[in-house]
């Protein structure tokens, strides 16, 4: 029992929701790459050092010509946004991903931590 309790203190799971939009030009045509991913980050403390393993639960990527993209997509920032969410929010996002994938692009979920990396514009 004591061993199991100690093991629980040395491990954790973080829930991540990542959205990315990148604009690029190929053969003089502008394209938008959209990427959305739901993943779990499993952390285990071993000898004072964190061992981290990423488990992708759901992901989707799409390339579209910029001229064919909806205005909502064109207005999205050209960046990668990563949200650390609760397990309950994560499960709700996963349910949404199964039925309404496009809606995920426009969501800012309830989160406890956030990271953003801007991309250079073309």
PDB file of N, CA and C in Angstrom:
ATOM      1  N   UNK A   1       0.825  -1.194   0.000  1.00  0.00           N
ATOM      2  CA  UNK A   1       0.000   0.000   0.000  1.00  0.00           C
ATOM      3  C   UNK A   1       0.869   1.258   0.000  1.00  0.00           C
ATOM      4  N   UNK A   2       1.876   1.273   0.866  1.00  0.00           N
ATOM      5  CA  UNK A   2       2.763   2.426   0.946  1.00  0.00           C
ATOM      6  C   UNK A   2       3.514   2.627  -0.377  1.00  0.00           C
ATOM      7  N   UNK A   3       3.922   1.542  -1.005  1.00  0.00           N
ATOM      8  CA  UNK A   3       4.627   1.601  -2.292  1.00  0.00           C
ATOM      9  C   UNK A   3       3.714   2.199  -3.376  1.00  0.00           C
ATOM     10  N   UNK A   4       2.434   1.780  -3.424  1.00  0.00           N
ATOM     11  CA  UNK A   4       1.496   2.303  -4.415  1.00  0.00           C
ATOM     12  C   UNK A   4       1.268   3.800  -4.216  1.00  0.00           C
ATOM     13  N   UNK A   5       1.142   4.256  -2.967  1.00  0.00           N
ATOM     14  CA  UNK A   5       0.928   5.669  -2.674  1.00  0.00           C
ATOM     15  C   UNK A   5       2.130   6.492  -3.136  1.00  0.00           C
ATOM     16  N   UNK A   6       3.324   5.996  -2.861  1.00  0.00           N
ATOM     17  CA  UNK A   6       4.546   6.691  -3.280  1.00  0.00           C
ATOM     18  C   UNK A   6       4.602   6.765  -4.800  1.00  0.00           C
ATOM     19  N   UNK A   7       4.193   5.702  -5.485  1.00  0.00           N
ATOM     20  CA  UNK A   7       4.199   5.686  -6.946  1.00  0.00           C
ATOM     21  C   UNK A   7       3.214   6.731  -7.488  1.00  0.00           C
ATOM     22  N   UNK A   8       2.032   6.863  -6.857  1.00  0.00           N
ATOM     23  CA  UNK A   8       1.039   7.836  -7.301  1.00  0.00           C
ATOM     24  C   UNK A   8       1.564   9.258  -7.170  1.00  0.00           C
ATOM     25  N   UNK A   9       2.352   9.546  -6.149  1.00  0.00           N
ATOM     26  CA  UNK A   9       2.910  10.875  -5.959  1.00  0.00           C
ATOM     27  C   UNK A   9       3.956  11.216  -7.022  1.00  0.00           C
ATOM     28  N   UNK A  10       4.545  10.191  -7.611  1.00  0.00           N
ATOM     29  CA  UNK A  10       5.618  10.387  -8.579  1.00  0.00           C
ATOM     30  C   UNK A  10       5.155  10.303 -10.034  1.00  0.00           C
ATOM     31  N   UNK A  11       3.836  10.333 -10.257  1.00  0.00           N
ATOM     32  CA  UNK A  11       3.347  10.296 -11.629  1.00  0.00           C
ATOM     33  C   UNK A  11       2.154  11.228 -11.789  1.00  0.00           C
ATOM     34  N   UNK A  12       1.980  11.714 -13.006  1.00  0.00           N
ATOM     35  CA  UNK A  12       0.852  12.596 -13.282  1.00  0.00           C
ATOM     36  C   UNK A  12       0.503  12.517 -14.765  1.00  0.00           C
ATOM     37  N   UNK A  13      -0.686  13.005 -15.089  1.00  0.00           N
ATOM     38  CA  UNK A  13      -1.139  13.084 -16.477  1.00  0.00           C
ATOM     39  C   UNK A  13      -1.622  14.509 -16.719  1.00  0.00           C
ATOM     40  N   UNK A  14      -1.119  15.128 -17.781  1.00  0.00           N
ATOM     41  CA  UNK A  14      -1.577  16.443 -18.204  1.00  0.00           C
ATOM     42  C   UNK A  14      -2.361  16.262 -19.498  1.00  0.00           C
ATOM     43  N   UNK A  15      -3.398  17.089 -19.671  1.00  0.00           N
ATOM     44  CA  UNK A  15      -4.261  16.998 -20.843  1.00  0.00           C
ATOM     45  C   UNK A  15      -4.041  18.236 -21.705  1.00  0.00           C
ATOM     46  N   UNK A  16      -3.736  18.014 -22.990  1.00  0.00           N
ATOM     47  CA  UNK A  16      -3.374  19.106 -23.884  1.00  0.00           C
ATOM     48  C   UNK A  16      -4.292  19.169 -25.102  1.00  0.00           C
ATOM     49  N   UNK A  17      -4.592  20.410 -25.489  1.00  0.00           N
ATOM     50  CA  UNK A  17      -5.359  20.702 -26.702  1.00  0.00           C
ATOM     51  C   UNK A  17      -4.518  21.683 -27.510  1.00  0.00           C
ATOM     52  N   UNK A  18      -4.148  21.296 -28.734  1.00  0.00           N
ATOM     53  CA  UNK A  18      -3.268  22.116 -29.552  1.00  0.00           C
ATOM     54  C   UNK A  18      -3.939  22.444 -30.882  1.00  0.00           C
ATOM     55  N   UNK A  19      -3.852  23.720 -31.278  1.00  0.00           N
ATOM     56  CA  UNK A  19      -4.396  24.203 -32.546  1.00  0.00           C
ATOM     57  C   UNK A  19      -3.268  24.943 -33.267  1.00  0.00           C
ATOM     58  N   UNK A  20      -3.131  24.674 -34.557  1.00  0.00           N
ATOM     59  CA  UNK A  20      -2.085  25.342 -35.320  1.00  0.00           C
ATOM     60  C   UNK A  20      -2.634  25.764 -36.679  1.00  0.00           C
ATOM     61  N   UNK A  21      -2.278  26.995 -37.077  1.00  0.00           N
ATOM     62  CA  UNK A  21      -2.587  27.487 -38.425  1.00  0.00           C
ATOM     63  C   UNK A  21      -1.302  28.084 -38.979  1.00  0.00           C
ATOM     64  N   UNK A  22      -0.949  27.667 -40.175  1.00  0.00           N
ATOM     65  CA  UNK A  22       0.254  28.182 -40.818  1.00  0.00           C
ATOM     66  C   UNK A  22      -0.056  28.491 -42.283  1.00  0.00           C
ATOM     67  N   UNK A  23       0.311  29.681 -42.702  1.00  0.00           N
ATOM     68  CA  UNK A  23       0.112  30.095 -44.096  1.00  0.00           C
ATOM     69  C   UNK A  23       1.452  29.965 -44.817  1.00  0.00           C
ATOM     70  N   UNK A  24       1.411  29.366 -46.000  1.00  0.00           N
ATOM     71  CA  UNK A  24       2.635  29.250 -46.798  1.00  0.00           C
ATOM     72  C   UNK A  24       2.293  29.397 -48.275  1.00  0.00           C
ATOM     73  N   UNK A  25       3.310  29.688 -49.070  1.00  0.00           N
ATOM     74  CA  UNK A  25       3.130  29.866 -50.513  1.00  0.00           C
ATOM     75  C   UNK A  25       3.914  28.782 -51.240  1.00  0.00           C
ATOM     76  N   UNK A  26       3.223  28.156 -52.188  1.00  0.00           N
ATOM     77  CA  UNK A  26       3.849  27.126 -53.015  1.00  0.00           C
ATOM     78  C   UNK A  26       3.421  27.366 -54.458  1.00  0.00           C
ATOM     79  N   UNK A  27       4.388  27.501 -55.340  1.00  0.00           N
ATOM     80  CA  UNK A  27       4.102  27.778 -56.767  1.00  0.00           C
ATOM     81  C   UNK A  27       3.166  28.974 -56.918  1.00  0.00           C
ATOM     82  N   UNK A  28       3.460  30.030 -56.165  1.00  0.00           N
ATOM     83  CA  UNK A  28       2.726  31.299 -56.212  1.00  0.00           C
ATOM     84  C   UNK A  28       1.262  31.194 -55.772  1.00  0.00           C
ATOM     85  N   UNK A  29       0.918  30.132 -55.036  1.00  0.00           N
ATOM     86  CA  UNK A  29      -0.431  29.946 -54.498  1.00  0.00           C
ATOM     87  C   UNK A  29      -0.329  29.877 -52.976  1.00  0.00           C
ATOM     88  N   UNK A  30      -1.192  30.634 -52.284  1.00  0.00           N
ATOM     89  CA  UNK A  30      -1.201  30.626 -50.814  1.00  0.00           C
ATOM     90  C   UNK A  30      -2.050  29.465 -50.300  1.00  0.00           C
ATOM     91  N   UNK A  31      -1.488  28.761 -49.322  1.00  0.00           N
ATOM     92  CA  UNK A  31      -2.181  27.652 -48.675  1.00  0.00           C
ATOM     93  C   UNK A  31      -2.208  27.889 -47.164  1.00  0.00           C
ATOM     94  N   UNK A  32      -3.186  27.264 -46.531  1.00  0.00           N
ATOM     95  CA  UNK A  32      -3.280  27.273 -45.074  1.00  0.00           C
ATOM     96  C   UNK A  32      -3.224  25.827 -44.611  1.00  0.00           C
ATOM     97  N   UNK A  33      -2.318  25.556 -43.677  1.00  0.00           N
ATOM     98  CA  UNK A  33      -2.282  24.246 -43.026  1.00  0.00           C
ATOM     99  C   UNK A  33      -2.912  24.400 -41.652  1.00  0.00           C
ATOM    100  N   UNK A  34      -3.905  23.563 -41.386  1.00  0.00           N
ATOM    101  CA  UNK A  34      -4.569  23.540 -40.089  1.00  0.00           C
ATOM    102  C   UNK A  34      -4.242  22.210 -39.417  1.00  0.00           C
ATOM    103  N   UNK A  35      -3.931  22.275 -38.135  1.00  0.00           N
ATOM    104  CA  UNK A  35      -3.616  21.065 -37.381  1.00  0.00           C
ATOM    105  C   UNK A  35      -4.235  21.196 -35.999  1.00  0.00           C
ATOM    106  N   UNK A  36      -4.955  20.169 -35.590  1.00  0.00           N
ATOM    107  CA  UNK A  36      -5.578  20.131 -34.263  1.00  0.00           C
ATOM    108  C   UNK A  36      -5.226  18.786 -33.635  1.00  0.00           C
ATOM    109  N   UNK A  37      -4.830  18.824 -32.345  1.00  0.00           N
ATOM    110  CA  UNK A  37      -4.456  17.578 -31.669  1.00  0.00           C
ATOM    111  C   UNK A  37      -4.918  17.601 -30.214  1.00  0.00           C
ATOM    112  N   UNK A  38      -5.398  16.465 -29.767  1.00  0.00           N
ATOM    113  CA  UNK A  38      -5.692  16.212 -28.356  1.00  0.00           C
ATOM    114  C   UNK A  38      -4.719  15.145 -27.886  1.00  0.00           C
ATOM    115  N   UNK A  39      -4.007  15.426 -26.813  1.00  0.00           N
ATOM    116  CA  UNK A  39      -3.020  14.454 -26.332  1.00  0.00           C
ATOM    117  C   UNK A  39      -2.942  14.456 -24.817  1.00  0.00           C
ATOM    118  N   UNK A  40      -2.420  13.357 -24.295  1.00  0.00           N
ATOM    119  CA  UNK A  40      -2.140  13.234 -22.871  1.00  0.00           C
ATOM    120  C   UNK A  40      -0.630  13.204 -22.692  1.00  0.00           C
ATOM    121  N   UNK A  41      -0.166  13.924 -21.692  1.00  0.00           N
ATOM    122  CA  UNK A  41       1.255  13.936 -21.362  1.00  0.00           C
ATOM    123  C   UNK A  41       1.422  13.166 -20.045  1.00  0.00           C
ATOM    124  N   UNK A  42       1.983  11.971 -20.152  1.00  0.00           N
ATOM    125  CA  UNK A  42       2.199  11.121 -18.978  1.00  0.00           C
ATOM    126  C   UNK A  42       3.575  11.443 -18.409  1.00  0.00           C
ATOM    127  N   UNK A  43       3.603  11.776 -17.125  1.00  0.00           N
ATOM    128  CA  UNK A  43       4.862  12.126 -16.463  1.00  0.00           C
ATOM    129  C   UNK A  43       5.117  11.147 -15.325  1.00  0.00           C
ATOM    130  N   UNK A  44       6.337  10.665 -15.260  1.00  0.00           N
ATOM    131  CA  UNK A  44       6.742   9.745 -14.209  1.00  0.00           C
ATOM    132  C   UNK A  44       8.098  10.184 -13.674  1.00  0.00           C
ATOM    133  N   UNK A  45       8.166  10.408 -12.370  1.00  0.00           N
ATOM    134  CA  UNK A  45       9.407  10.839 -11.730  1.00  0.00           C
ATOM    135  C   UNK A  45      10.229   9.607 -11.362  1.00  0.00           C
ATOM    136  N   UNK A  46      11.404   9.507 -11.988  1.00  0.00           N
ATOM    137  CA  UNK A  46      12.292   8.375 -11.741  1.00  0.00           C
ATOM    138  C   UNK A  46      13.654   8.922 -11.352  1.00  0.00           C
ATOM    139  N   UNK A  47      14.101   8.583 -10.160  1.00  0.00           N
ATOM    140  CA  UNK A  47      15.405   9.027  -9.652  1.00  0.00           C
ATOM    141  C   UNK A  47      15.585  10.539  -9.773  1.00  0.00           C
ATOM    142  N   UNK A  48      14.521  11.287  -9.445  1.00  0.00           N
ATOM    143  CA  UNK A  48      14.598  12.748  -9.453  1.00  0.00           C
ATOM    144  C   UNK A  48      14.492  13.394 -10.828  1.00  0.00           C
ATOM    145  N   UNK A  49      14.228  12.597 -11.861  1.00  0.00           N
ATOM    146  CA  UNK A  49      14.134  13.131 -13.214  1.00  0.00           C
ATOM    147  C   UNK A  49      12.796  12.723 -13.833  1.00  0.00           C
ATOM    148  N   UNK A  50      12.106  13.702 -14.475  1.00  0.00           N
ATOM    149  CA  UNK A  50      10.820  13.413 -15.097  1.00  0.00           C
ATOM    150  C   UNK A  50      10.988  12.688 -16.429  1.00  0.00           C
ATOM    151  N   UNK A  51      10.311  11.567 -16.567  1.00  0.00           N
ATOM    152  CA  UNK A  51      10.222  10.830 -17.828  1.00  0.00           C
ATOM    153  C   UNK A  51       8.859  11.186 -18.419  1.00  0.00           C
ATOM    154  N   UNK A  52       8.837  11.785 -19.615  1.00  0.00           N
ATOM    155  CA  UNK A  52       7.595  12.279 -20.213  1.00  0.00           C
ATOM    156  C   UNK A  52       7.299  11.503 -21.492  1.00  0.00           C
ATOM    157  N   UNK A  53       6.055  11.038 -21.584  1.00  0.00           N
ATOM    158  CA  UNK A  53       5.597  10.324 -22.777  1.00  0.00           C
ATOM    159  C   UNK A  53       4.311  10.985 -23.265  1.00  0.00           C
ATOM    160  N   UNK A  54       4.258  11.316 -24.559  1.00  0.00           N
ATOM    161  CA  UNK A  54       3.091  11.956 -25.154  1.00  0.00           C
ATOM    162  C   UNK A  54       2.242  10.894 -25.856  1.00  0.00           C
ATOM    163  N   UNK A  55       0.960  10.876 -25.520  1.00  0.00           N
ATOM    164  CA  UNK A  55       0.006   9.961 -26.152  1.00  0.00           C
ATOM    165  C   UNK A  55      -1.001  10.798 -26.948  1.00  0.00           C
ATOM    166  N   UNK A  56      -0.980  10.673 -28.265  1.00  0.00           N
ATOM    167  CA  UNK A  56      -1.947  11.380 -29.096  1.00  0.00           C
ATOM    168  C   UNK A  56      -3.249  10.593 -29.077  1.00  0.00           C
ATOM    169  N   UNK A  57      -4.317  11.264 -28.659  1.00  0.00           N
ATOM    170  CA  UNK A  57      -5.631  10.634 -28.577  1.00  0.00           C
ATOM    171  C   UNK A  57      -6.409  10.870 -29.870  1.00  0.00           C
ATOM    172  N   UNK A  58      -6.260  12.059 -30.437  1.00  0.00           N
ATOM    173  CA  UNK A  58      -6.956  12.414 -31.671  1.00  0.00           C
ATOM    174  C   UNK A  58      -6.177  13.532 -32.353  1.00  0.00           C
ATOM    175  N   UNK A  59      -6.093  13.474 -33.682  1.00  0.00           N
ATOM    176  CA  UNK A  59      -5.417  14.539 -34.431  1.00  0.00           C
ATOM    177  C   UNK A  59      -5.989  14.609 -35.841  1.00  0.00           C
ATOM    178  N   UNK A  60      -5.968  15.822 -36.392  1.00  0.00           N
ATOM    179  CA  UNK A  60      -6.391  16.009 -37.777  1.00  0.00           C
ATOM    180  C   UNK A  60      -5.593  17.151 -38.389  1.00  0.00           C
ATOM    181  N   UNK A  61      -5.204  16.960 -39.650  1.00  0.00           N
ATOM    182  CA  UNK A  61      -4.465  17.987 -40.378  1.00  0.00           C
ATOM    183  C   UNK A  61      -5.130  18.179 -41.731  1.00  0.00           C
ATOM    184  N   UNK A  62      -5.162  19.430 -42.188  1.00  0.00           N
ATOM    185  CA  UNK A  62      -5.778  19.738 -43.472  1.00  0.00           C
ATOM    186  C   UNK A  62      -5.033  20.890 -44.128  1.00  0.00           C
ATOM    187  N   UNK A  63      -4.774  20.763 -45.418  1.00  0.00           N
ATOM    188  CA  UNK A  63      -4.216  21.845 -46.237  1.00  0.00           C
ATOM    189  C   UNK A  63      -5.314  22.333 -47.157  1.00  0.00           C
ATOM    190  N   UNK A  64      -5.534  23.647 -47.163  1.00  0.00           N
ATOM    191  CA  UNK A  64      -6.538  24.216 -48.056  1.00  0.00           C
ATOM    192  C   UNK A  64      -5.968  25.465 -48.728  1.00  0.00           C
ATOM    193  N   UNK A  65      -6.418  25.703 -49.939  1.00  0.00           N
ATOM    194  CA  UNK A  65      -6.017  26.945 -50.617  1.00  0.00           C
ATOM    195  C   UNK A  65      -6.631  28.099 -49.847  1.00  0.00           C
ATOM    196  N   UNK A  66      -5.853  29.146 -49.644  1.00  0.00           N
ATOM    197  CA  UNK A  66      -6.323  30.279 -48.863  1.00  0.00           C
ATOM    198  C   UNK A  66      -7.596  30.890 -49.462  1.00  0.00           C
ATOM    199  N   UNK A  67      -7.688  30.917 -50.766  1.00  0.00           N
ATOM    200  CA  UNK A  67      -8.869  31.501 -51.412  1.00  0.00           C
ATOM    201  C   UNK A  67     -10.143  30.697 -51.152  1.00  0.00           C
ATOM    202  N   UNK A  68     -10.015  29.426 -50.791  1.00  0.00           N
ATOM    203  CA  UNK A  68     -11.175  28.571 -50.507  1.00  0.00           C
ATOM    204  C   UNK A  68     -11.494  28.482 -49.013  1.00  0.00           C
ATOM    205  N   UNK A  69     -10.659  29.035 -48.180  1.00  0.00           N
ATOM    206  CA  UNK A  69     -10.851  28.943 -46.727  1.00  0.00           C
ATOM    207  C   UNK A  69     -11.976  29.861 -46.259  1.00  0.00           C
ATOM    208  N   UNK A  70     -12.759  29.399 -45.287  1.00  0.00           N
ATOM    209  CA  UNK A  70     -13.793  30.278 -44.712  1.00  0.00           C
ATOM    210  C   UNK A  70     -13.143  31.485 -44.027  1.00  0.00           C
ATOM    211  N   UNK A  71     -13.855  32.584 -43.939  1.00  0.00           N
ATOM    212  CA  UNK A  71     -13.320  33.800 -43.312  1.00  0.00           C
ATOM    213  C   UNK A  71     -12.877  33.552 -41.872  1.00  0.00           C
ATOM    214  N   UNK A  72     -13.611  32.699 -41.132  1.00  0.00           N
ATOM    215  CA  UNK A  72     -13.243  32.401 -39.744  1.00  0.00           C
ATOM    216  C   UNK A  72     -11.835  31.803 -39.664  1.00  0.00           C
ATOM    217  N   UNK A  73     -11.502  30.959 -40.638  1.00  0.00           N
ATOM    218  CA  UNK A  73     -10.175  30.328 -40.671  1.00  0.00           C
ATOM    219  C   UNK A  73      -9.118  31.349 -41.075  1.00  0.00           C
ATOM    220  N   UNK A  74      -9.415  32.192 -42.052  1.00  0.00           N
ATOM    221  CA  UNK A  74      -8.463  33.214 -42.490  1.00  0.00           C
ATOM    222  C   UNK A  74      -8.110  34.166 -41.352  1.00  0.00           C
ATOM    223  N   UNK A  75      -9.082  34.451 -40.483  1.00  0.00           N
ATOM    224  CA  UNK A  75      -8.881  35.388 -39.379  1.00  0.00           C
ATOM    225  C   UNK A  75      -8.108  34.790 -38.204  1.00  0.00           C
ATOM    226  N   UNK A  76      -7.980  33.469 -38.161  1.00  0.00           N
ATOM    227  CA  UNK A  76      -7.230  32.846 -37.064  1.00  0.00           C
ATOM    228  C   UNK A  76      -5.784  33.329 -37.081  1.00  0.00           C
ATOM    229  N   UNK A  77      -5.168  33.470 -35.908  1.00  0.00           N
ATOM    230  CA  UNK A  77      -3.759  33.881 -35.880  1.00  0.00           C
ATOM    231  C   UNK A  77      -2.861  32.816 -36.511  1.00  0.00           C
ATOM    232  N   UNK A  78      -1.811  33.259 -37.133  1.00  0.00           N
ATOM    233  CA  UNK A  78      -0.837  32.373 -37.759  1.00  0.00           C
ATOM    234  C   UNK A  78       0.143  31.912 -36.672  1.00  0.00           C
ATOM    235  N   UNK A  79      -0.273  30.861 -35.945  1.00  0.00           N
ATOM    236  CA  UNK A  79       0.523  30.436 -34.794  1.00  0.00           C
ATOM    237  C   UNK A  79       0.093  29.047 -34.333  1.00  0.00           C
ATOM    238  N   UNK A  80       0.807  28.550 -33.347  1.00  0.00           N
ATOM    239  CA  UNK A  80       0.459  27.327 -32.649  1.00  0.00           C
ATOM    240  C   UNK A  80       0.021  27.741 -31.244  1.00  0.00           C
ATOM    241  N   UNK A  81      -1.151  27.264 -30.818  1.00  0.00           N
ATOM    242  CA  UNK A  81      -1.654  27.530 -29.466  1.00  0.00           C
ATOM    243  C   UNK A  81      -1.842  26.199 -28.754  1.00  0.00           C
ATOM    244  N   UNK A  82      -1.312  26.107 -27.568  1.00  0.00           N
ATOM    245  CA  UNK A  82      -1.426  24.878 -26.785  1.00  0.00           C
ATOM    246  C   UNK A  82      -2.042  25.197 -25.435  1.00  0.00           C
ATOM    247  N   UNK A  83      -3.121  24.500 -25.120  1.00  0.00           N
ATOM    248  CA  UNK A  83      -3.841  24.709 -23.880  1.00  0.00           C
ATOM    249  C   UNK A  83      -3.717  23.483 -22.988  1.00  0.00           C
ATOM    250  N   UNK A  84      -3.430  23.707 -21.711  1.00  0.00           N
ATOM    251  CA  UNK A  84      -3.464  22.649 -20.712  1.00  0.00           C
ATOM    252  C   UNK A  84      -4.839  22.719 -20.068  1.00  0.00           C
ATOM    253  N   UNK A  85      -5.610  21.642 -20.193  1.00  0.00           N
ATOM    254  CA  UNK A  85      -7.000  21.638 -19.753  1.00  0.00           C
ATOM    255  C   UNK A  85      -7.223  20.524 -18.721  1.00  0.00           C
ATOM    256  N   UNK A  86      -8.372  20.587 -18.065  1.00  0.00           N
ATOM    257  CA  UNK A  86      -8.739  19.533 -17.121  1.00  0.00           C
ATOM    258  C   UNK A  86      -9.163  18.282 -17.890  1.00  0.00           C
ATOM    259  N   UNK A  87      -9.237  17.171 -17.197  1.00  0.00           N
ATOM    260  CA  UNK A  87      -9.665  15.925 -17.829  1.00  0.00           C
ATOM    261  C   UNK A  87     -11.101  16.051 -18.348  1.00  0.00           C
ATOM    262  N   UNK A  88     -11.950  16.738 -17.602  1.00  0.00           N
ATOM    263  CA  UNK A  88     -13.350  16.910 -18.005  1.00  0.00           C
ATOM    264  C   UNK A  88     -13.448  17.734 -19.301  1.00  0.00           C
ATOM    265  N   UNK A  89     -12.709  18.831 -19.396  1.00  0.00           N
ATOM    266  CA  UNK A  89     -12.703  19.651 -20.616  1.00  0.00           C
ATOM    267  C   UNK A  89     -12.125  18.844 -21.773  1.00  0.00           C
ATOM    268  N   UNK A  90     -11.056  18.111 -21.513  1.00  0.00           N
ATOM    269  CA  UNK A  90     -10.419  17.264 -22.525  1.00  0.00           C
ATOM    270  C   UNK A  90     -11.433  16.271 -23.110  1.00  0.00           C
ATOM    271  N   UNK A  91     -12.187  15.620 -22.231  1.00  0.00           N
ATOM    272  CA  UNK A  91     -13.177  14.639 -22.699  1.00  0.00           C
ATOM    273  C   UNK A  91     -14.265  15.315 -23.524  1.00  0.00           C
ATOM    274  N   UNK A  92     -14.672  16.524 -23.147  1.00  0.00           N
ATOM    275  CA  UNK A  92     -15.650  17.270 -23.931  1.00  0.00           C
ATOM    276  C   UNK A  92     -15.110  17.640 -25.305  1.00  0.00           C
ATOM    277  N   UNK A  93     -13.852  18.051 -25.365  1.00  0.00           N
ATOM    278  CA  UNK A  93     -13.219  18.369 -26.648  1.00  0.00           C
ATOM    279  C   UNK A  93     -13.108  17.122 -27.520  1.00  0.00           C
ATOM    280  N   UNK A  94     -12.807  15.988 -26.899  1.00  0.00           N
ATOM    281  CA  UNK A  94     -12.704  14.730 -27.640  1.00  0.00           C
ATOM    282  C   UNK A  94     -14.063  14.353 -28.237  1.00  0.00           C
ATOM    283  N   UNK A  95     -15.130  14.525 -27.464  1.00  0.00           N
ATOM    284  CA  UNK A  95     -16.476  14.259 -27.984  1.00  0.00           C
ATOM    285  C   UNK A  95     -16.792  15.180 -29.154  1.00  0.00           C
ATOM    286  N   UNK A  96     -16.436  16.448 -29.044  1.00  0.00           N
ATOM    287  CA  UNK A  96     -16.667  17.419 -30.113  1.00  0.00           C
ATOM    288  C   UNK A  96     -15.869  17.048 -31.366  1.00  0.00           C
ATOM    289  N   UNK A  97     -14.663  16.560 -31.171  1.00  0.00           N
ATOM    290  CA  UNK A  97     -13.787  16.191 -32.297  1.00  0.00           C
ATOM    291  C   UNK A  97     -14.405  15.078 -33.144  1.00  0.00           C
ATOM    292  N   UNK A  98     -15.158  14.208 -32.518  1.00  0.00           N
ATOM    293  CA  UNK A  98     -15.764  13.087 -33.248  1.00  0.00           C
ATOM    294  C   UNK A  98     -16.875  13.537 -34.187  1.00  0.00           C
ATOM    295  N   UNK A  99     -17.541  14.645 -33.850  1.00  0.00           N
ATOM    296  CA  UNK A  99     -18.724  15.054 -34.605  1.00  0.00           C
ATOM    297  C   UNK A  99     -18.611  16.411 -35.292  1.00  0.00           C
ATOM    298  N   UNK A 100     -17.878  17.334 -34.688  1.00  0.00           N
ATOM    299  CA  UNK A 100     -17.837  18.707 -35.198  1.00  0.00           C
ATOM    300  C   UNK A 100     -16.392  19.217 -35.219  1.00  0.00           C
ATOM    301  N   UNK A 101     -15.578  18.558 -35.996  1.00  0.00           N
ATOM    302  CA  UNK A 101     -14.147  18.847 -36.054  1.00  0.00           C
ATOM    303  C   UNK A 101     -13.853  20.322 -36.334  1.00  0.00           C
ATOM    304  N   UNK A 102     -14.542  20.906 -37.276  1.00  0.00           N
ATOM    305  CA  UNK A 102     -14.268  22.301 -37.675  1.00  0.00           C
ATOM    306  C   UNK A 102     -14.479  23.273 -36.520  1.00  0.00           C
ATOM    307  N   UNK A 103     -15.413  22.960 -35.617  1.00  0.00           N
ATOM    308  CA  UNK A 103     -15.674  23.843 -34.480  1.00  0.00           C
ATOM    309  C   UNK A 103     -14.481  23.937 -33.533  1.00  0.00           C
ATOM    310  N   UNK A 104     -13.651  22.916 -33.510  1.00  0.00           N
ATOM    311  CA  UNK A 104     -12.480  22.927 -32.624  1.00  0.00           C
ATOM    312  C   UNK A 104     -11.524  24.069 -32.949  1.00  0.00           C
ATOM    313  N   UNK A 105     -11.477  24.461 -34.217  1.00  0.00           N
ATOM    314  CA  UNK A 105     -10.564  25.533 -34.632  1.00  0.00           C
ATOM    315  C   UNK A 105     -10.918  26.870 -33.987  1.00  0.00           C
ATOM    316  N   UNK A 106     -12.175  27.063 -33.668  1.00  0.00           N
ATOM    317  CA  UNK A 106     -12.656  28.353 -33.199  1.00  0.00           C
ATOM    318  C   UNK A 106     -12.835  28.409 -31.686  1.00  0.00           C
ATOM    319  N   UNK A 107     -12.434  27.362 -30.990  1.00  0.00           N
ATOM    320  CA  UNK A 107     -12.655  27.269 -29.544  1.00  0.00           C
ATOM    321  C   UNK A 107     -11.434  27.744 -28.765  1.00  0.00           C
ATOM    322  N   UNK A 108     -11.698  28.487 -27.715  1.00  0.00           N
ATOM    323  CA  UNK A 108     -10.691  28.750 -26.689  1.00  0.00           C
ATOM    324  C   UNK A 108     -11.228  28.065 -25.434  1.00  0.00           C
ATOM    325  N   UNK A 109     -10.684  26.907 -25.097  1.00  0.00           N
ATOM    326  CA  UNK A 109     -11.259  26.137 -23.989  1.00  0.00           C
ATOM    327  C   UNK A 109     -10.894  26.731 -22.625  1.00  0.00           C
ATOM    328  N   UNK A 110     -11.689  26.378 -21.631  1.00  0.00           N
ATOM    329  CA  UNK A 110     -11.336  26.689 -20.250  1.00  0.00           C
ATOM    330  C   UNK A 110     -10.023  25.961 -19.975  1.00  0.00           C
ATOM    331  N   UNK A 111      -9.002  26.690 -19.557  1.00  0.00           N
ATOM    332  CA  UNK A 111      -7.675  26.093 -19.403  1.00  0.00           C
ATOM    333  C   UNK A 111      -6.980  26.663 -18.174  1.00  0.00           C
ATOM    334  N   UNK A 112      -5.969  25.928 -17.702  1.00  0.00           N
ATOM    335  CA  UNK A 112      -5.199  26.396 -16.543  1.00  0.00           C
ATOM    336  C   UNK A 112      -3.788  26.828 -16.925  1.00  0.00           C
ATOM    337  N   UNK A 113      -3.408  26.592 -18.169  1.00  0.00           N
ATOM    338  CA  UNK A 113      -2.119  27.071 -18.653  1.00  0.00           C
ATOM    339  C   UNK A 113      -2.209  27.174 -20.172  1.00  0.00           C
ATOM    340  N   UNK A 114      -1.393  28.053 -20.751  1.00  0.00           N
ATOM    341  CA  UNK A 114      -1.492  28.343 -22.177  1.00  0.00           C
ATOM    342  C   UNK A 114      -0.109  28.673 -22.714  1.00  0.00           C
ATOM    343  N   UNK A 115       0.156  28.230 -23.941  1.00  0.00           N
ATOM    344  CA  UNK A 115       1.418  28.526 -24.610  1.00  0.00           C
ATOM    345  C   UNK A 115       1.107  28.891 -26.058  1.00  0.00           C
ATOM    346  N   UNK A 116       1.767  29.896 -26.570  1.00  0.00           N
ATOM    347  CA  UNK A 116       1.557  30.322 -27.962  1.00  0.00           C
ATOM    348  C   UNK A 116       2.922  30.567 -28.620  1.00  0.00           C
ATOM    349  N   UNK A 117       3.054  30.067 -29.863  1.00  0.00           N
ATOM    350  CA  UNK A 117       4.248  30.316 -30.653  1.00  0.00           C
ATOM    351  C   UNK A 117       3.788  30.868 -31.996  1.00  0.00           C
ATOM    352  N   UNK A 118       4.169  32.114 -32.283  1.00  0.00           N
ATOM    353  CA  UNK A 118       3.806  32.746 -33.558  1.00  0.00           C
ATOM    354  C   UNK A 118       4.674  32.219 -34.684  1.00  0.00           C
ATOM    355  N   UNK A 119       4.077  32.141 -35.881  1.00  0.00           N
ATOM    356  CA  UNK A 119       4.804  31.760 -37.079  1.00  0.00           C
ATOM    357  C   UNK A 119       5.058  33.011 -37.909  1.00  0.00           C
ATOM    358  N   UNK A 120       6.125  33.003 -38.675  1.00  0.00           N
ATOM    359  CA  UNK A 120       6.398  34.104 -39.596  1.00  0.00           C
ATOM    360  C   UNK A 120       5.349  34.106 -40.694  1.00  0.00           C
ATOM    361  N   UNK A 121       4.893  35.284 -41.045  1.00  0.00           N
ATOM    362  CA  UNK A 121       3.940  35.380 -42.140  1.00  0.00           C
ATOM    363  C   UNK A 121       4.692  35.390 -43.470  1.00  0.00           C
ATOM    364  N   UNK A 122       4.054  34.854 -44.479  1.00  0.00           N
ATOM    365  CA  UNK A 122       4.666  34.814 -45.816  1.00  0.00           C
ATOM    366  C   UNK A 122       4.692  36.184 -46.421  1.00  0.00           C
TER     367      UNK A 122
END
